[in-house]
């Protein structure tokens, strides 16, 4: 099972990205985007390179960590005596909670934000932006996972199932697709949607520091970080003081965390009005 899921991941990712790219051309929310290939290609190249590097460097370590937990009956799932489908379901929810907490840390710890800002600097948000993470962030998150996975008692198969669901959802909620407001409202009771995640990519800090969920949207409601705006097209996406060379080219993305003048989010004492909808 593990081998089949692992082998199918690239196909799932490619199919999801292709569908989103087609929809972005047919029904965009943010219109007027030109030269989409020039924008998307560096994001995809960075995502593919990160995936290959993570598999090469961390796949073996992940297997060792999860197998140690199994051999020693260590981890939350084993302590609770959960097995089979129940272990997959509970492990999925718990790991998604970890993703939420880790994402919040990336916004509050300066070192983590230095790398995570590369993801937020994209001013022309699209599905490809869901692949755009600095290699330094991938390394840091992968190291943290080596501790979290055995603590939860997850197996490699659990992780692969989670990732097989996570990537299409991430591509969806980053996508520049005009999802009808009613459909988005119903979907976001369960999963993160574009109307919800676009707010997270605003350059206005109270909005940037909201909507941290990855798959399940309810974590933001539980922890009080849920936020919406009445019209997403009024959002200013990206980060303040980032030049095109920083956010639109592969060399710029890789160099951005090490530039003296780092990307910033607009602060402000005023509170932008949210629509208050679910």
C-alpha atoms as a PDB file:
ATOM      1  CA  UNK A   1       0.000   0.000   0.000  1.00  0.00           C
ATOM      2  CA  UNK A   2       2.762   2.416   0.966  1.00  0.00           C
ATOM      3  CA  UNK A   3       4.574   1.836  -2.333  1.00  0.00           C
ATOM      4  CA  UNK A   4       1.435   2.426  -4.408  1.00  0.00           C
ATOM      5  CA  UNK A   5       0.606   5.676  -2.605  1.00  0.00           C
ATOM      6  CA  UNK A   6       4.194   6.898  -2.971  1.00  0.00           C
ATOM      7  CA  UNK A   7       4.227   6.037  -6.678  1.00  0.00           C
ATOM      8  CA  UNK A   8       0.904   7.803  -7.233  1.00  0.00           C
ATOM      9  CA  UNK A   9       1.797  11.084  -5.524  1.00  0.00           C
ATOM     10  CA  UNK A  10       3.459  12.732  -8.569  1.00  0.00           C
ATOM     11  CA  UNK A  11       0.481  11.808 -10.754  1.00  0.00           C
ATOM     12  CA  UNK A  12      -1.972  13.227  -8.205  1.00  0.00           C
ATOM     13  CA  UNK A  13       0.016  16.452  -7.948  1.00  0.00           C
ATOM     14  CA  UNK A  14       0.366  16.849 -11.714  1.00  0.00           C
ATOM     15  CA  UNK A  15      -3.327  16.159 -12.345  1.00  0.00           C
ATOM     16  CA  UNK A  16      -4.468  18.588  -9.633  1.00  0.00           C
ATOM     17  CA  UNK A  17      -2.148  21.322 -10.904  1.00  0.00           C
ATOM     18  CA  UNK A  18      -3.292  20.798 -14.504  1.00  0.00           C
ATOM     19  CA  UNK A  19      -6.975  21.029 -13.538  1.00  0.00           C
ATOM     20  CA  UNK A  20      -6.377  24.182 -11.492  1.00  0.00           C
ATOM     21  CA  UNK A  21      -4.299  25.796 -14.258  1.00  0.00           C
ATOM     22  CA  UNK A  22      -7.131  25.190 -16.731  1.00  0.00           C
ATOM     23  CA  UNK A  23      -9.758  26.607 -14.356  1.00  0.00           C
ATOM     24  CA  UNK A  24      -7.609  29.668 -13.642  1.00  0.00           C
ATOM     25  CA  UNK A  25      -7.635  30.436 -17.345  1.00  0.00           C
ATOM     26  CA  UNK A  26     -11.382  29.894 -17.728  1.00  0.00           C
ATOM     27  CA  UNK A  27     -12.851  31.440 -14.548  1.00  0.00           C
ATOM     28  CA  UNK A  28     -10.276  33.606 -12.740  1.00  0.00           C
ATOM     29  CA  UNK A  29     -11.193  35.569  -9.625  1.00  0.00           C
ATOM     30  CA  UNK A  30      -8.379  38.090 -10.098  1.00  0.00           C
ATOM     31  CA  UNK A  31      -8.495  39.058 -13.768  1.00  0.00           C
ATOM     32  CA  UNK A  32      -5.886  40.733 -15.904  1.00  0.00           C
ATOM     33  CA  UNK A  33      -3.074  38.294 -15.131  1.00  0.00           C
ATOM     34  CA  UNK A  34      -0.699  38.112 -18.086  1.00  0.00           C
ATOM     35  CA  UNK A  35       2.126  35.754 -18.892  1.00  0.00           C
ATOM     36  CA  UNK A  36       0.933  33.055 -16.505  1.00  0.00           C
ATOM     37  CA  UNK A  37       3.642  30.639 -17.611  1.00  0.00           C
ATOM     38  CA  UNK A  38       6.361  33.131 -16.667  1.00  0.00           C
ATOM     39  CA  UNK A  39       4.824  33.461 -13.209  1.00  0.00           C
ATOM     40  CA  UNK A  40       4.017  29.802 -12.585  1.00  0.00           C
ATOM     41  CA  UNK A  41       7.160  28.137 -13.964  1.00  0.00           C
ATOM     42  CA  UNK A  42       9.558  29.292 -11.190  1.00  0.00           C
ATOM     43  CA  UNK A  43       7.039  28.289  -8.514  1.00  0.00           C
ATOM     44  CA  UNK A  44       6.637  24.807  -9.994  1.00  0.00           C
ATOM     45  CA  UNK A  45      10.393  24.367 -10.470  1.00  0.00           C
ATOM     46  CA  UNK A  46      11.000  25.305  -6.837  1.00  0.00           C
ATOM     47  CA  UNK A  47       8.274  22.945  -5.654  1.00  0.00           C
ATOM     48  CA  UNK A  48       9.605  20.016  -7.687  1.00  0.00           C
ATOM     49  CA  UNK A  49      13.185  20.648  -6.533  1.00  0.00           C
ATOM     50  CA  UNK A  50      12.053  20.819  -2.901  1.00  0.00           C
ATOM     51  CA  UNK A  51      10.071  17.592  -3.209  1.00  0.00           C
ATOM     52  CA  UNK A  52      13.049  15.780  -4.715  1.00  0.00           C
ATOM     53  CA  UNK A  53      15.451  17.121  -2.081  1.00  0.00           C
ATOM     54  CA  UNK A  54      13.103  16.242   0.784  1.00  0.00           C
ATOM     55  CA  UNK A  55      12.624  12.720  -0.540  1.00  0.00           C
ATOM     56  CA  UNK A  56      16.358  12.242  -0.952  1.00  0.00           C
ATOM     57  CA  UNK A  57      17.399  13.661   2.422  1.00  0.00           C
ATOM     58  CA  UNK A  58      14.470  12.955   4.744  1.00  0.00           C
ATOM     59  CA  UNK A  59      12.680   9.856   3.423  1.00  0.00           C
ATOM     60  CA  UNK A  60      15.102   7.481   5.135  1.00  0.00           C
ATOM     61  CA  UNK A  61      15.092   9.451   8.384  1.00  0.00           C
ATOM     62  CA  UNK A  62      11.287   9.510   8.407  1.00  0.00           C
ATOM     63  CA  UNK A  63      11.169   5.752   7.962  1.00  0.00           C
ATOM     64  CA  UNK A  64      13.666   5.232  10.810  1.00  0.00           C
ATOM     65  CA  UNK A  65      11.737   7.557  13.160  1.00  0.00           C
ATOM     66  CA  UNK A  66       8.330   6.005  12.465  1.00  0.00           C
ATOM     67  CA  UNK A  67       9.662   2.442  12.625  1.00  0.00           C
ATOM     68  CA  UNK A  68      11.324   3.171  15.971  1.00  0.00           C
ATOM     69  CA  UNK A  69       7.996   4.397  17.308  1.00  0.00           C
ATOM     70  CA  UNK A  70       6.261   1.249  16.025  1.00  0.00           C
ATOM     71  CA  UNK A  71       8.876  -1.105  17.471  1.00  0.00           C
ATOM     72  CA  UNK A  72       8.679   0.624  20.863  1.00  0.00           C
ATOM     73  CA  UNK A  73       4.873   1.055  20.901  1.00  0.00           C
ATOM     74  CA  UNK A  74       5.453   4.785  21.168  1.00  0.00           C
ATOM     75  CA  UNK A  75       3.084   7.574  20.198  1.00  0.00           C
ATOM     76  CA  UNK A  76      -0.399   8.902  20.847  1.00  0.00           C
ATOM     77  CA  UNK A  77      -2.168   6.519  18.450  1.00  0.00           C
ATOM     78  CA  UNK A  78      -0.615   3.473  20.117  1.00  0.00           C
ATOM     79  CA  UNK A  79      -1.204   4.751  23.637  1.00  0.00           C
ATOM     80  CA  UNK A  80      -4.871   5.160  22.761  1.00  0.00           C
ATOM     81  CA  UNK A  81      -4.955   1.698  21.202  1.00  0.00           C
ATOM     82  CA  UNK A  82      -6.263   3.015  17.869  1.00  0.00           C
ATOM     83  CA  UNK A  83      -5.675   0.753  14.863  1.00  0.00           C
ATOM     84  CA  UNK A  84      -6.675   0.312  11.221  1.00  0.00           C
ATOM     85  CA  UNK A  85      -8.946   2.916   9.654  1.00  0.00           C
ATOM     86  CA  UNK A  86      -9.353   4.643  13.011  1.00  0.00           C
ATOM     87  CA  UNK A  87      -5.602   5.208  13.215  1.00  0.00           C
ATOM     88  CA  UNK A  88      -5.577   6.682   9.707  1.00  0.00           C
ATOM     89  CA  UNK A  89      -8.464   9.027  10.543  1.00  0.00           C
ATOM     90  CA  UNK A  90      -7.215  10.182  13.950  1.00  0.00           C
ATOM     91  CA  UNK A  91      -3.634  10.462  12.699  1.00  0.00           C
ATOM     92  CA  UNK A  92      -4.872  12.607   9.803  1.00  0.00           C
ATOM     93  CA  UNK A  93      -6.684  15.004  12.152  1.00  0.00           C
ATOM     94  CA  UNK A  94      -3.815  15.211  14.643  1.00  0.00           C
ATOM     95  CA  UNK A  95      -1.209  15.820  11.965  1.00  0.00           C
ATOM     96  CA  UNK A  96      -3.389  18.520  10.428  1.00  0.00           C
ATOM     97  CA  UNK A  97      -3.501  20.154  13.869  1.00  0.00           C
ATOM     98  CA  UNK A  98       0.304  20.052  13.910  1.00  0.00           C
ATOM     99  CA  UNK A  99       0.347  21.701  10.478  1.00  0.00           C
ATOM    100  CA  UNK A 100      -1.834  24.509  11.844  1.00  0.00           C
ATOM    101  CA  UNK A 101       0.429  25.058  14.871  1.00  0.00           C
ATOM    102  CA  UNK A 102       3.598  24.926  12.787  1.00  0.00           C
ATOM    103  CA  UNK A 103       2.141  27.456  10.341  1.00  0.00           C
ATOM    104  CA  UNK A 104       1.395  29.849  13.196  1.00  0.00           C
ATOM    105  CA  UNK A 105       4.954  29.466  14.441  1.00  0.00           C
ATOM    106  CA  UNK A 106       6.217  30.422  10.992  1.00  0.00           C
ATOM    107  CA  UNK A 107       4.430  33.747  11.370  1.00  0.00           C
ATOM    108  CA  UNK A 108       5.615  34.501  14.914  1.00  0.00           C
ATOM    109  CA  UNK A 109       9.234  33.267  15.057  1.00  0.00           C
ATOM    110  CA  UNK A 110      11.530  35.678  13.134  1.00  0.00           C
ATOM    111  CA  UNK A 111      13.862  32.979  11.815  1.00  0.00           C
ATOM    112  CA  UNK A 112      10.968  30.910  10.492  1.00  0.00           C
ATOM    113  CA  UNK A 113       9.243  33.970   9.020  1.00  0.00           C
ATOM    114  CA  UNK A 114      12.416  34.920   7.148  1.00  0.00           C
ATOM    115  CA  UNK A 115      11.972  31.764   5.040  1.00  0.00           C
ATOM    116  CA  UNK A 116       8.161  31.578   5.080  1.00  0.00           C
ATOM    117  CA  UNK A 117       7.957  35.125   3.703  1.00  0.00           C
ATOM    118  CA  UNK A 118       9.091  33.754   0.338  1.00  0.00           C
ATOM    119  CA  UNK A 119       5.727  32.007   0.091  1.00  0.00           C
ATOM    120  CA  UNK A 120       3.836  35.169   1.008  1.00  0.00           C
ATOM    121  CA  UNK A 121       5.770  37.493  -1.303  1.00  0.00           C
ATOM    122  CA  UNK A 122       3.916  36.222  -4.386  1.00  0.00           C
ATOM    123  CA  UNK A 123       1.701  39.072  -5.567  1.00  0.00           C
ATOM    124  CA  UNK A 124      -0.041  37.068  -8.290  1.00  0.00           C
ATOM    125  CA  UNK A 125      -1.475  34.234  -6.244  1.00  0.00           C
ATOM    126  CA  UNK A 126      -2.259  31.074  -8.189  1.00  0.00           C
ATOM    127  CA  UNK A 127      -2.313  27.318  -7.662  1.00  0.00           C
ATOM    128  CA  UNK A 128       1.419  27.252  -8.356  1.00  0.00           C
ATOM    129  CA  UNK A 129       1.909  29.459  -5.282  1.00  0.00           C
ATOM    130  CA  UNK A 130       0.963  26.398  -3.225  1.00  0.00           C
ATOM    131  CA  UNK A 131       4.271  24.856  -4.320  1.00  0.00           C
ATOM    132  CA  UNK A 132       6.324  27.957  -3.641  1.00  0.00           C
ATOM    133  CA  UNK A 133       8.224  27.418  -0.387  1.00  0.00           C
ATOM    134  CA  UNK A 134      11.845  28.238   0.273  1.00  0.00           C
ATOM    135  CA  UNK A 135      14.110  25.215   0.572  1.00  0.00           C
ATOM    136  CA  UNK A 136      15.157  26.434   4.024  1.00  0.00           C
ATOM    137  CA  UNK A 137      11.537  26.233   5.179  1.00  0.00           C
ATOM    138  CA  UNK A 138      11.222  22.707   3.797  1.00  0.00           C
ATOM    139  CA  UNK A 139      14.357  21.641   5.691  1.00  0.00           C
ATOM    140  CA  UNK A 140      13.174  23.180   8.964  1.00  0.00           C
ATOM    141  CA  UNK A 141       9.676  21.718   8.698  1.00  0.00           C
ATOM    142  CA  UNK A 142      11.048  18.293   7.753  1.00  0.00           C
ATOM    143  CA  UNK A 143      13.328  18.307  10.810  1.00  0.00           C
ATOM    144  CA  UNK A 144      10.402  19.197  13.065  1.00  0.00           C
ATOM    145  CA  UNK A 145       8.337  16.384  11.560  1.00  0.00           C
ATOM    146  CA  UNK A 146      10.984  13.852  12.567  1.00  0.00           C
ATOM    147  CA  UNK A 147      10.013  14.560  16.174  1.00  0.00           C
ATOM    148  CA  UNK A 148       6.265  14.983  15.644  1.00  0.00           C
ATOM    149  CA  UNK A 149       5.601  11.803  13.639  1.00  0.00           C
ATOM    150  CA  UNK A 150       6.857   9.334  16.285  1.00  0.00           C
ATOM    151  CA  UNK A 151       5.210  11.393  19.022  1.00  0.00           C
ATOM    152  CA  UNK A 152       1.877  10.959  17.263  1.00  0.00           C
ATOM    153  CA  UNK A 153       2.667   7.328  16.471  1.00  0.00           C
ATOM    154  CA  UNK A 154       2.102   7.777  12.734  1.00  0.00           C
ATOM    155  CA  UNK A 155       3.438   5.407  10.100  1.00  0.00           C
ATOM    156  CA  UNK A 156       4.841   6.282   6.688  1.00  0.00           C
ATOM    157  CA  UNK A 157       1.557   5.128   5.142  1.00  0.00           C
ATOM    158  CA  UNK A 158      -0.347   7.598   7.370  1.00  0.00           C
ATOM    159  CA  UNK A 159       1.921  10.418   6.208  1.00  0.00           C
ATOM    160  CA  UNK A 160       1.573   9.524   2.537  1.00  0.00           C
ATOM    161  CA  UNK A 161      -2.227   9.447   2.773  1.00  0.00           C
ATOM    162  CA  UNK A 162      -2.207  12.849   4.455  1.00  0.00           C
ATOM    163  CA  UNK A 163       0.082  14.326   1.807  1.00  0.00           C
ATOM    164  CA  UNK A 164      -1.991  12.817  -1.020  1.00  0.00           C
ATOM    165  CA  UNK A 165      -4.990  14.781   0.294  1.00  0.00           C
ATOM    166  CA  UNK A 166      -3.067  17.873   1.393  1.00  0.00           C
ATOM    167  CA  UNK A 167      -1.520  18.815  -1.946  1.00  0.00           C
ATOM    168  CA  UNK A 168      -4.753  19.033  -3.996  1.00  0.00           C
ATOM    169  CA  UNK A 169      -6.403  21.021  -1.190  1.00  0.00           C
ATOM    170  CA  UNK A 170      -3.442  23.419  -1.059  1.00  0.00           C
ATOM    171  CA  UNK A 171      -3.470  23.906  -4.829  1.00  0.00           C
ATOM    172  CA  UNK A 172      -7.224  24.517  -4.667  1.00  0.00           C
ATOM    173  CA  UNK A 173      -7.189  27.169  -1.951  1.00  0.00           C
ATOM    174  CA  UNK A 174      -4.259  29.023  -3.494  1.00  0.00           C
ATOM    175  CA  UNK A 175      -5.860  28.947  -6.928  1.00  0.00           C
ATOM    176  CA  UNK A 176      -6.996  32.029  -8.813  1.00  0.00           C
ATOM    177  CA  UNK A 177     -10.397  30.512  -9.478  1.00  0.00           C
ATOM    178  CA  UNK A 178     -13.695  32.344  -9.162  1.00  0.00           C
ATOM    179  CA  UNK A 179     -15.447  29.917  -6.821  1.00  0.00           C
ATOM    180  CA  UNK A 180     -19.068  31.061  -6.264  1.00  0.00           C
ATOM    181  CA  UNK A 181     -19.517  32.628  -2.836  1.00  0.00           C
ATOM    182  CA  UNK A 182     -22.218  30.138  -1.802  1.00  0.00           C
ATOM    183  CA  UNK A 183     -20.147  27.102  -2.800  1.00  0.00           C
ATOM    184  CA  UNK A 184     -17.116  28.481  -0.989  1.00  0.00           C
ATOM    185  CA  UNK A 185     -19.204  29.113   2.119  1.00  0.00           C
ATOM    186  CA  UNK A 186     -20.408  25.514   2.274  1.00  0.00           C
ATOM    187  CA  UNK A 187     -16.987  24.034   1.538  1.00  0.00           C
ATOM    188  CA  UNK A 188     -15.185  26.071   4.184  1.00  0.00           C
ATOM    189  CA  UNK A 189     -17.169  24.469   6.966  1.00  0.00           C
ATOM    190  CA  UNK A 190     -14.832  21.534   6.396  1.00  0.00           C
ATOM    191  CA  UNK A 191     -11.816  22.457   4.261  1.00  0.00           C
ATOM    192  CA  UNK A 192      -9.792  25.579   3.564  1.00  0.00           C
ATOM    193  CA  UNK A 193     -11.142  27.394   0.501  1.00  0.00           C
ATOM    194  CA  UNK A 194      -9.867  30.173  -1.788  1.00  0.00           C
ATOM    195  CA  UNK A 195     -12.045  32.889  -0.211  1.00  0.00           C
ATOM    196  CA  UNK A 196     -10.584  31.945   3.147  1.00  0.00           C
ATOM    197  CA  UNK A 197      -6.947  31.510   2.157  1.00  0.00           C
ATOM    198  CA  UNK A 198      -6.690  34.613  -0.050  1.00  0.00           C
ATOM    199  CA  UNK A 199      -7.153  36.643   3.139  1.00  0.00           C
ATOM    200  CA  UNK A 200      -4.094  34.911   4.581  1.00  0.00           C
ATOM    201  CA  UNK A 201      -2.057  36.201   1.615  1.00  0.00           C
ATOM    202  CA  UNK A 202      -3.040  39.834   2.158  1.00  0.00           C
ATOM    203  CA  UNK A 203      -0.177  42.250   2.856  1.00  0.00           C
ATOM    204  CA  UNK A 204      -2.168  43.671   5.811  1.00  0.00           C
ATOM    205  CA  UNK A 205      -0.750  41.989   8.926  1.00  0.00           C
ATOM    206  CA  UNK A 206      -3.995  41.274  10.835  1.00  0.00           C
ATOM    207  CA  UNK A 207      -5.147  39.439   7.704  1.00  0.00           C
ATOM    208  CA  UNK A 208      -1.816  37.743   7.007  1.00  0.00           C
ATOM    209  CA  UNK A 209      -1.828  36.439  10.580  1.00  0.00           C
ATOM    210  CA  UNK A 210      -5.136  34.618  10.176  1.00  0.00           C
ATOM    211  CA  UNK A 211      -6.507  31.486   8.488  1.00  0.00           C
ATOM    212  CA  UNK A 212      -3.506  29.236   9.166  1.00  0.00           C
ATOM    213  CA  UNK A 213      -5.278  25.920   8.513  1.00  0.00           C
ATOM    214  CA  UNK A 214      -3.980  23.531   5.841  1.00  0.00           C
ATOM    215  CA  UNK A 215      -6.767  21.001   5.191  1.00  0.00           C
ATOM    216  CA  UNK A 216      -9.494  21.326   7.826  1.00  0.00           C
ATOM    217  CA  UNK A 217     -10.760  24.874   8.231  1.00  0.00           C
ATOM    218  CA  UNK A 218     -12.139  24.380  11.737  1.00  0.00           C
ATOM    219  CA  UNK A 219      -8.757  24.858  13.440  1.00  0.00           C
ATOM    220  CA  UNK A 220      -9.003  28.600  12.779  1.00  0.00           C
ATOM    221  CA  UNK A 221     -12.434  28.715  14.377  1.00  0.00           C
ATOM    222  CA  UNK A 222     -11.241  26.670  17.363  1.00  0.00           C
ATOM    223  CA  UNK A 223      -8.187  28.888  17.964  1.00  0.00           C
ATOM    224  CA  UNK A 224      -9.768  32.227  17.058  1.00  0.00           C
ATOM    225  CA  UNK A 225      -7.766  32.971  13.911  1.00  0.00           C
ATOM    226  CA  UNK A 226     -10.624  32.758  11.396  1.00  0.00           C
ATOM    227  CA  UNK A 227     -11.098  35.880   9.261  1.00  0.00           C
ATOM    228  CA  UNK A 228     -12.911  36.847   6.066  1.00  0.00           C
ATOM    229  CA  UNK A 229     -13.347  39.946   3.939  1.00  0.00           C
ATOM    230  CA  UNK A 230     -16.466  40.942   2.046  1.00  0.00           C
ATOM    231  CA  UNK A 231     -14.747  41.114  -1.353  1.00  0.00           C
ATOM    232  CA  UNK A 232     -11.468  39.222  -1.852  1.00  0.00           C
ATOM    233  CA  UNK A 233     -10.738  41.285  -4.965  1.00  0.00           C
ATOM    234  CA  UNK A 234     -10.166  44.271  -2.662  1.00  0.00           C
ATOM    235  CA  UNK A 235      -7.214  42.514  -1.019  1.00  0.00           C
ATOM    236  CA  UNK A 236      -3.665  43.620  -1.727  1.00  0.00           C
ATOM    237  CA  UNK A 237      -1.771  40.368  -2.115  1.00  0.00           C
ATOM    238  CA  UNK A 238       1.916  39.849  -1.416  1.00  0.00           C
ATOM    239  CA  UNK A 239       4.220  41.669   0.974  1.00  0.00           C
ATOM    240  CA  UNK A 240       5.302  45.246   1.396  1.00  0.00           C
ATOM    241  CA  UNK A 241       8.706  46.315   0.047  1.00  0.00           C
ATOM    242  CA  UNK A 242       9.292  43.297  -2.156  1.00  0.00           C
ATOM    243  CA  UNK A 243      10.554  43.961  -5.651  1.00  0.00           C
ATOM    244  CA  UNK A 244       9.721  41.792  -8.636  1.00  0.00           C
ATOM    245  CA  UNK A 245      13.206  40.290  -8.595  1.00  0.00           C
ATOM    246  CA  UNK A 246      12.433  38.990  -5.089  1.00  0.00           C
ATOM    247  CA  UNK A 247       9.135  37.286  -5.781  1.00  0.00           C
ATOM    248  CA  UNK A 248       8.940  36.546  -9.498  1.00  0.00           C
ATOM    249  CA  UNK A 249      12.202  34.728 -10.259  1.00  0.00           C
ATOM    250  CA  UNK A 250      13.721  31.546  -8.910  1.00  0.00           C
ATOM    251  CA  UNK A 251      17.062  33.171  -7.942  1.00  0.00           C
ATOM    252  CA  UNK A 252      15.147  35.968  -6.236  1.00  0.00           C
ATOM    253  CA  UNK A 253      13.091  33.523  -4.184  1.00  0.00           C
ATOM    254  CA  UNK A 254      16.160  31.615  -3.033  1.00  0.00           C
ATOM    255  CA  UNK A 255      18.086  34.782  -2.146  1.00  0.00           C
ATOM    256  CA  UNK A 256      15.196  36.632  -0.496  1.00  0.00           C
ATOM    257  CA  UNK A 257      15.662  35.362   3.116  1.00  0.00           C
ATOM    258  CA  UNK A 258      19.272  36.513   3.066  1.00  0.00           C
ATOM    259  CA  UNK A 259      18.712  40.058   1.808  1.00  0.00           C
ATOM    260  CA  UNK A 260      19.291  42.787   4.375  1.00  0.00           C
ATOM    261  CA  UNK A 261      15.934  44.420   3.684  1.00  0.00           C
ATOM    262  CA  UNK A 262      13.444  41.656   4.332  1.00  0.00           C
ATOM    263  CA  UNK A 263       9.836  41.548   3.245  1.00  0.00           C
ATOM    264  CA  UNK A 264       7.340  43.068   5.653  1.00  0.00           C
ATOM    265  CA  UNK A 265       3.622  42.951   6.228  1.00  0.00           C
ATOM    266  CA  UNK A 266       1.642  46.148   6.514  1.00  0.00           C
ATOM    267  CA  UNK A 267       0.658  46.722  10.118  1.00  0.00           C
ATOM    268  CA  UNK A 268      -1.919  49.192  11.259  1.00  0.00           C
ATOM    269  CA  UNK A 269      -3.995  50.253  14.196  1.00  0.00           C
ATOM    270  CA  UNK A 270      -7.148  50.368  12.161  1.00  0.00           C
ATOM    271  CA  UNK A 271      -9.182  47.197  11.748  1.00  0.00           C
ATOM    272  CA  UNK A 272     -10.233  46.301   8.255  1.00  0.00           C
ATOM    273  CA  UNK A 273     -13.841  45.229   8.301  1.00  0.00           C
ATOM    274  CA  UNK A 274     -14.487  41.520   7.885  1.00  0.00           C
ATOM    275  CA  UNK A 275     -17.781  40.280   6.500  1.00  0.00           C
ATOM    276  CA  UNK A 276     -18.404  38.064   9.528  1.00  0.00           C
ATOM    277  CA  UNK A 277     -19.651  35.193   7.373  1.00  0.00           C
ATOM    278  CA  UNK A 278     -18.892  31.574   7.990  1.00  0.00           C
END
